[in-house]
Protein backbone atom coordinates (compact mmCIF):
# COMPACT_ATOMS: atom_id res chain seq x y z
CA MET A 1 108.71 76.72 87.30
CA ASN A 2 106.85 79.21 89.49
CA THR A 3 109.71 81.28 90.91
CA ALA A 4 107.56 82.95 93.57
CA LEU A 5 106.74 79.58 95.14
CA LYS A 6 110.34 78.48 94.89
CA GLU A 7 111.59 81.60 96.67
CA ILE A 8 109.21 81.01 99.57
CA ASN A 9 110.15 77.35 99.95
CA VAL A 10 113.91 77.95 100.02
CA GLU A 11 113.78 80.76 102.59
CA ASN A 12 116.30 79.68 105.19
CA ILE A 13 115.48 78.95 108.81
CA GLY A 14 117.75 81.73 110.02
CA ASN A 15 114.83 84.09 109.36
CA TYR A 16 112.59 82.11 111.70
CA MET A 17 114.85 81.03 114.57
CA THR A 18 115.15 82.56 118.01
CA SER A 19 118.63 83.81 118.90
CA PRO A 20 120.82 83.78 120.95
CA VAL A 21 120.51 80.27 122.36
CA ILE A 22 120.54 79.85 126.14
CA THR A 23 122.72 77.04 127.51
CA ILE A 24 122.98 75.22 130.82
CA SER A 25 125.68 72.95 132.24
CA GLN A 26 124.74 69.27 132.39
CA ASP A 27 125.48 69.15 136.14
CA SER A 28 123.11 72.03 136.93
CA THR A 29 120.01 71.10 138.90
CA LEU A 30 116.50 70.91 137.54
CA ARG A 31 115.68 73.89 139.75
CA ASP A 32 118.32 75.90 137.87
CA PHE A 33 116.88 74.61 134.61
CA LEU A 34 113.36 75.82 135.44
CA LYS A 35 114.67 79.18 136.62
CA LEU A 36 116.45 79.78 133.30
CA LEU A 37 113.36 78.81 131.32
CA ASN A 38 111.16 81.19 133.29
CA GLU A 39 113.63 84.08 133.27
CA ASN A 40 114.05 83.89 129.49
CA LYS A 41 110.43 82.91 128.71
CA ILE A 42 111.54 79.95 126.61
CA SER A 43 110.83 76.23 126.66
CA SER A 44 114.18 74.61 125.78
CA LEU A 45 117.88 74.85 126.68
CA ILE A 46 121.03 73.47 125.11
CA VAL A 47 122.99 71.36 127.60
CA THR A 48 126.77 71.73 127.69
CA GLU A 49 129.81 70.06 129.25
CA ASN A 50 133.09 71.97 129.22
CA ASP A 51 131.77 74.23 126.43
CA ARG A 52 130.72 71.22 124.30
CA TYR A 53 127.12 70.68 123.23
CA VAL A 54 125.97 67.39 124.72
CA GLY A 55 122.17 67.49 124.65
CA ILE A 56 118.93 69.44 124.66
CA ALA A 57 116.35 69.66 127.46
CA THR A 58 112.84 71.03 127.17
CA LYS A 59 109.97 71.92 129.46
CA ARG A 60 108.14 68.93 128.00
CA ASP A 61 111.04 66.67 129.05
CA PHE A 62 110.78 68.00 132.59
CA ILE A 63 107.06 67.19 132.75
CA ARG A 64 107.39 63.80 131.07
CA LYS A 65 110.47 62.60 132.94
CA ALA A 66 111.11 64.60 136.10
CA ILE A 67 107.54 64.95 137.30
CA ASN A 68 106.35 61.50 136.25
CA GLN A 69 109.40 59.85 137.82
CA ARG A 70 109.23 62.11 140.90
CA MET A 71 112.77 63.44 140.54
CA ASP A 72 113.89 65.95 143.17
CA PRO A 73 114.47 69.28 141.34
CA GLU A 74 116.88 70.42 144.07
CA THR A 75 119.33 67.56 143.56
CA THR A 76 118.62 66.00 140.14
CA GLU A 77 120.97 67.11 137.36
CA VAL A 78 119.75 68.31 133.96
CA SER A 79 121.63 65.44 132.31
CA LYS A 80 118.96 63.07 133.68
CA ILE A 81 116.26 64.53 131.43
CA MET A 82 118.20 65.78 128.40
CA ASN A 83 117.87 64.26 124.92
CA VAL A 84 120.92 62.92 123.09
CA PRO A 85 122.19 63.13 120.47
CA ILE A 86 121.31 66.67 119.42
CA LEU A 87 119.32 66.68 116.18
CA SER A 88 120.01 69.87 114.23
CA LEU A 89 119.97 71.49 110.81
CA GLU A 90 122.20 74.01 109.11
CA HIS A 91 121.31 77.70 109.08
CA SER A 92 120.90 77.54 105.29
CA SER A 93 118.18 74.83 105.40
CA SER A 94 114.74 75.76 104.14
CA ILE A 95 111.76 76.20 106.44
CA GLU A 96 110.02 73.33 104.62
CA ASP A 97 113.00 71.04 105.25
CA ALA A 98 112.96 72.01 108.93
CA ARG A 99 109.24 71.37 109.28
CA ASN A 100 109.49 67.95 107.62
CA PHE A 101 112.59 67.04 109.66
CA MET A 102 110.87 67.92 112.94
CA MET A 103 107.69 66.04 112.05
CA LYS A 104 109.67 62.96 110.94
CA ASN A 105 111.75 62.91 114.15
CA LYS A 106 108.82 63.91 116.38
CA ILE A 107 110.64 66.85 117.94
CA ARG A 108 109.38 70.32 118.78
CA HIS A 109 112.68 72.19 119.15
CA LEU A 110 115.46 72.25 116.57
CA PRO A 111 118.93 73.75 117.15
CA VAL A 112 120.19 75.72 114.14
CA MET A 113 123.86 75.33 113.23
CA GLU A 114 126.33 77.59 111.46
CA GLU A 115 130.06 76.82 111.24
CA ASN A 116 129.72 74.09 113.89
CA ARG A 117 128.07 76.44 116.36
CA ILE A 118 124.47 76.51 117.52
CA VAL A 119 123.30 80.00 116.53
CA GLY A 120 119.58 79.72 117.11
CA MET A 121 116.60 77.61 118.11
CA LEU A 122 113.59 76.83 115.95
CA SER A 123 110.30 75.55 117.35
CA ILE A 124 107.68 73.64 115.39
CA LYS A 125 105.30 76.54 116.09
CA ASP A 126 107.76 78.93 114.41
CA THR A 127 107.55 76.91 111.21
CA MET A 128 103.76 76.94 111.25
CA ARG A 129 102.61 80.35 112.43
CA LYS A 130 105.04 82.59 110.62
CA SER A 131 104.25 81.18 107.19
CA VAL A 132 100.67 82.42 106.64
CA ASP A 133 100.82 84.83 103.71
CA GLN A 134 99.74 88.40 104.44
CA LYS A 135 97.45 88.27 101.40
CA LEU A 136 95.45 85.52 103.10
CA ILE A 137 95.26 87.44 106.37
CA ASP A 138 94.07 90.53 104.48
CA ALA A 139 91.37 88.52 102.70
CA PHE A 140 90.02 87.12 105.96
CA THR A 141 90.09 90.45 107.79
CA LYS A 142 88.33 92.12 104.86
CA SER A 143 85.59 89.48 104.87
CA THR A 144 85.28 89.70 108.64
CA GLY A 145 84.89 93.47 108.48
CA GLU A 146 82.12 93.12 105.92
CA ALA A 147 80.36 90.48 108.04
CA ILE A 148 80.33 92.37 111.33
CA GLN A 149 78.90 95.48 109.67
CA ASN A 150 75.66 93.52 109.22
CA PHE A 151 75.46 93.25 113.00
CA MET A 152 76.21 96.91 113.73
CA LEU A 153 79.50 95.84 115.29
CA SER A 154 82.57 98.03 114.94
CA ALA A 155 86.00 96.43 115.47
CA SER A 156 89.45 96.64 113.93
CA PRO A 157 92.01 93.82 113.50
CA LEU A 158 95.31 93.93 115.35
CA ALA A 159 98.52 92.17 114.39
CA PRO A 160 98.32 88.35 114.51
CA ILE A 161 99.37 86.80 117.81
CA GLU A 162 100.99 83.49 118.71
CA SER A 163 98.75 82.53 121.62
CA GLU A 164 96.32 79.71 120.92
CA ASP A 165 94.24 80.48 124.00
CA LEU A 166 90.56 81.20 123.34
CA PRO A 167 89.73 83.86 125.96
CA GLY A 168 85.99 84.13 125.27
CA GLU A 169 83.28 81.76 126.44
CA ILE A 170 81.76 81.23 122.97
CA SER A 171 83.42 79.88 119.83
CA ALA A 172 81.74 79.32 116.48
CA VAL A 173 83.68 76.94 114.23
CA ILE A 174 83.09 76.59 110.50
CA LYS A 175 85.12 74.82 107.80
CA LEU A 176 85.88 75.57 104.16
CA THR A 177 86.65 72.39 102.24
CA ASP A 178 87.92 71.73 98.72
CA GLU A 179 87.69 67.98 98.19
CA ALA A 180 89.54 68.00 94.86
CA LYS A 181 92.59 69.77 96.27
CA ASN A 182 92.28 68.01 99.66
CA VAL A 183 92.32 71.29 101.60
CA GLU A 184 90.44 72.31 104.72
CA ILE A 185 90.40 75.71 106.40
CA MET A 186 88.93 76.02 109.87
CA ILE A 187 87.58 79.43 110.89
CA ILE A 188 87.17 80.02 114.62
CA LEU A 189 85.28 83.07 115.88
CA ASN A 190 85.73 83.51 119.63
CA PHE A 191 83.56 85.95 121.60
CA SER A 192 83.15 86.68 125.28
CA GLU A 193 79.59 86.26 126.50
CA GLU A 194 79.56 89.94 127.46
CA VAL A 195 80.48 91.21 123.99
CA ALA A 196 78.10 88.80 122.26
CA GLN A 197 75.32 89.97 124.56
CA LYS A 198 76.02 93.59 123.61
CA VAL A 199 75.86 92.69 119.92
CA TYR A 200 72.47 91.07 120.51
CA GLN A 201 71.25 94.14 122.42
CA GLY A 202 72.42 96.43 119.62
CA LEU A 203 70.48 94.42 117.07
CA PHE A 204 67.25 93.76 118.92
CA GLY A 205 67.17 96.43 121.64
CA ASP A 206 66.75 93.87 124.40
CA ASP A 207 68.69 91.25 126.34
CA ALA A 208 68.97 87.75 124.93
CA THR A 209 66.67 85.26 126.65
CA GLY A 210 69.40 82.65 126.90
CA MET A 211 72.80 81.42 125.78
CA LYS A 212 71.30 79.90 122.64
CA ASP A 213 70.29 83.33 121.31
CA ILE A 214 73.78 84.69 121.93
CA CYS A 215 75.45 81.69 120.29
CA ASN A 216 73.22 82.08 117.25
CA ILE A 217 74.60 85.60 116.72
CA VAL A 218 78.23 84.41 116.79
CA THR A 219 77.40 81.46 114.55
CA GLU A 220 75.70 83.65 111.97
CA ILE A 221 78.67 86.05 111.84
CA SER A 222 81.00 83.09 111.21
CA ASN A 223 78.67 81.84 108.47
CA ILE A 224 78.82 85.18 106.65
CA ILE A 225 82.61 85.38 107.00
CA ALA A 226 82.97 81.94 105.43
CA GLY A 227 80.59 82.78 102.60
CA ASN A 228 82.44 86.00 101.83
CA VAL A 229 86.00 84.75 102.11
CA LYS A 230 85.66 81.59 100.03
CA VAL A 231 85.48 83.82 96.96
CA GLU A 232 88.23 86.18 98.17
CA ILE A 233 90.76 83.36 98.57
CA SER A 234 89.73 81.14 95.64
CA HIS A 235 92.72 82.26 93.52
CA TYR A 236 95.34 81.91 96.29
CA VAL A 237 96.11 78.32 95.35
CA GLN A 238 99.87 78.21 95.79
CA GLU A 239 99.75 80.31 98.96
CA ILE A 240 97.35 77.85 100.60
CA LEU A 241 98.87 74.64 99.23
CA ARG A 242 102.23 75.78 100.61
CA LEU A 243 100.63 75.74 104.06
CA THR A 244 98.69 72.50 103.78
CA HIS A 245 100.75 70.26 101.51
CA SER A 246 104.50 70.64 101.96
CA GLU A 247 105.07 68.06 99.22
CA LYS A 248 103.11 70.01 96.60
CA THR A 249 105.02 71.46 93.68
CA SER A 250 104.19 74.43 91.49
CA SER A 251 102.61 72.08 88.94
CA ASP A 252 99.90 71.22 91.50
CA ALA A 253 99.01 74.87 92.05
CA LYS A 254 96.68 75.19 89.08
CA GLY A 255 93.15 76.48 88.69
CA ILE A 256 91.19 77.92 91.60
CA PHE A 257 89.65 76.64 94.80
CA HIS A 258 86.00 75.61 94.89
CA PHE A 259 85.29 75.67 98.60
CA ASP A 260 82.22 74.15 100.20
CA VAL A 261 81.07 75.84 103.41
CA GLY A 262 80.30 73.40 106.21
CA LEU A 263 77.70 73.73 108.92
CA PRO A 264 78.92 75.87 111.83
CA THR A 265 79.26 74.35 115.28
CA THR A 266 79.44 76.09 118.64
CA VAL A 267 81.70 75.41 121.62
CA ILE A 268 80.90 77.17 124.90
CA GLY A 269 82.37 77.43 128.38
CA SER A 270 85.17 79.24 130.15
CA GLY A 271 88.60 77.98 129.12
CA HIS A 272 87.25 75.75 126.36
CA SER A 273 89.32 74.45 123.46
CA VAL A 274 88.56 73.61 119.84
CA SER A 275 89.69 70.32 118.31
CA GLY A 276 92.44 70.91 115.77
CA VAL A 277 94.01 74.00 117.35
CA GLU A 278 96.64 71.90 119.12
CA LYS A 279 97.79 70.01 116.02
CA LEU A 280 101.42 70.62 115.11
CA SER A 281 100.93 69.68 111.46
CA THR A 282 98.77 72.71 110.74
CA ALA A 283 99.48 76.33 109.84
CA LYS A 284 97.65 78.73 112.14
CA THR A 285 97.18 82.38 112.88
CA PHE A 286 95.06 84.19 115.47
CA ILE A 287 93.88 87.76 114.92
CA PRO A 288 92.46 89.81 117.82
CA TYR A 289 89.91 92.56 117.15
CA GLU A 290 89.31 95.62 119.29
CA ASN A 291 87.27 98.80 119.41
CA ALA A 292 88.88 101.89 120.98
CA GLY A 293 91.25 99.71 122.99
CA THR A 294 88.54 97.31 124.19
CA PRO A 295 88.96 93.65 123.14
CA MET A 296 86.01 92.52 121.02
CA PHE A 297 86.69 89.05 119.61
CA LEU A 298 89.34 86.71 118.24
CA LEU A 299 89.52 85.29 114.72
CA GLY A 300 91.41 82.00 114.42
CA LEU A 301 92.45 80.48 111.09
CA ILE A 302 93.77 76.93 110.70
CA PHE A 303 94.97 75.66 107.32
CA GLN A 304 95.36 71.90 106.98
CA LYS A 305 95.27 68.93 104.66
CA LYS A 306 91.81 67.41 104.75
CA GLU A 307 91.78 64.23 106.78
CA GLU A 308 90.79 60.98 105.09
CA SER A 309 87.18 60.04 105.82
C-alpha cells in the first residue's frame, strides 16, 4: 500500500475546521441571526435551546426560506429556518469521509463533534480548496512564470486565495484532459483589460485595435501554460487522483498522465463567471499575481473528474 496516499486520506477534519463555533438561541430573531453572521464573517450558526444543540441555520437557509416566504426578520425566530436534526461527524473523521458525507446529504456546513460537543464547523469549500498539493501549485506557477516571460510580462505569484471572484474583464479557459484516467483540469487565466492592453503595448509598441487583439494575448499565454504544465504534472498521479476521484485507491495511481490540451475559449465582460467554478464537487485554487504591489492577473485551477460525454 502507498503509505503517503493513506496518510493524506486519513488526515482528520480537525485540521480543516473553523473554531470556535458561534451559537444562537432558537428564539432569537432573524435580524439577530444576520447580525451575528456579519459580525463574525461566517455563513452558518448552531442553534441552541437551554444550552442544548437543536439545529443549524445558514445564510442559504435565510435566502431560501425567509426571503422567499417573506418572513419579517424583526419578529421571526431563527427556529423557523433552522435545519433539524443536526448532521455531524466526529473530530477524528477523515477529510475524504467528510467530503463524501456532505455530498451524499447535500449539505454545505458540517458541525464537528468531540466528546459530545460541537468543537468546529467544516464547510464543503474547506474540504475542496485546502487539499491541493503544494507540488501541484508549484508546477503551475513555474509553468506560468515561463509562459509570461515570452510576453515580456513580469509578475510573481502570491499565496492562494479562497475567493472565486474573477476581478478582470477577460478570462481565457483551457482544459487538460486524460481520457484513460478520466481526469480534467481547467486552467483559468483572468486579466483586467488594462493589464492585457499594457502587455499588448509592450509586445507591439502600439495600442490594440480592439478587444479581439487583447483577448488573443491572454489566450496565447494560457495555451503556453497548458503546454508547459502538462509535462510538469504528468507524474503527479496520486496527488491529482486524490482531488478528482475520492474513491480511487493507491492501486489506481499507476503510470503517468497523458494530457491532451483542449482549444482555449475566452469569456469577457465585467463581473463574468466561468462554468465549473461554482461546482462543489471540484477541488480548486486561485493564485493572484502581482508586480511591485500592483495586481496583474489571477490563475485559477480546477481539478475534476471528467464528465461523461
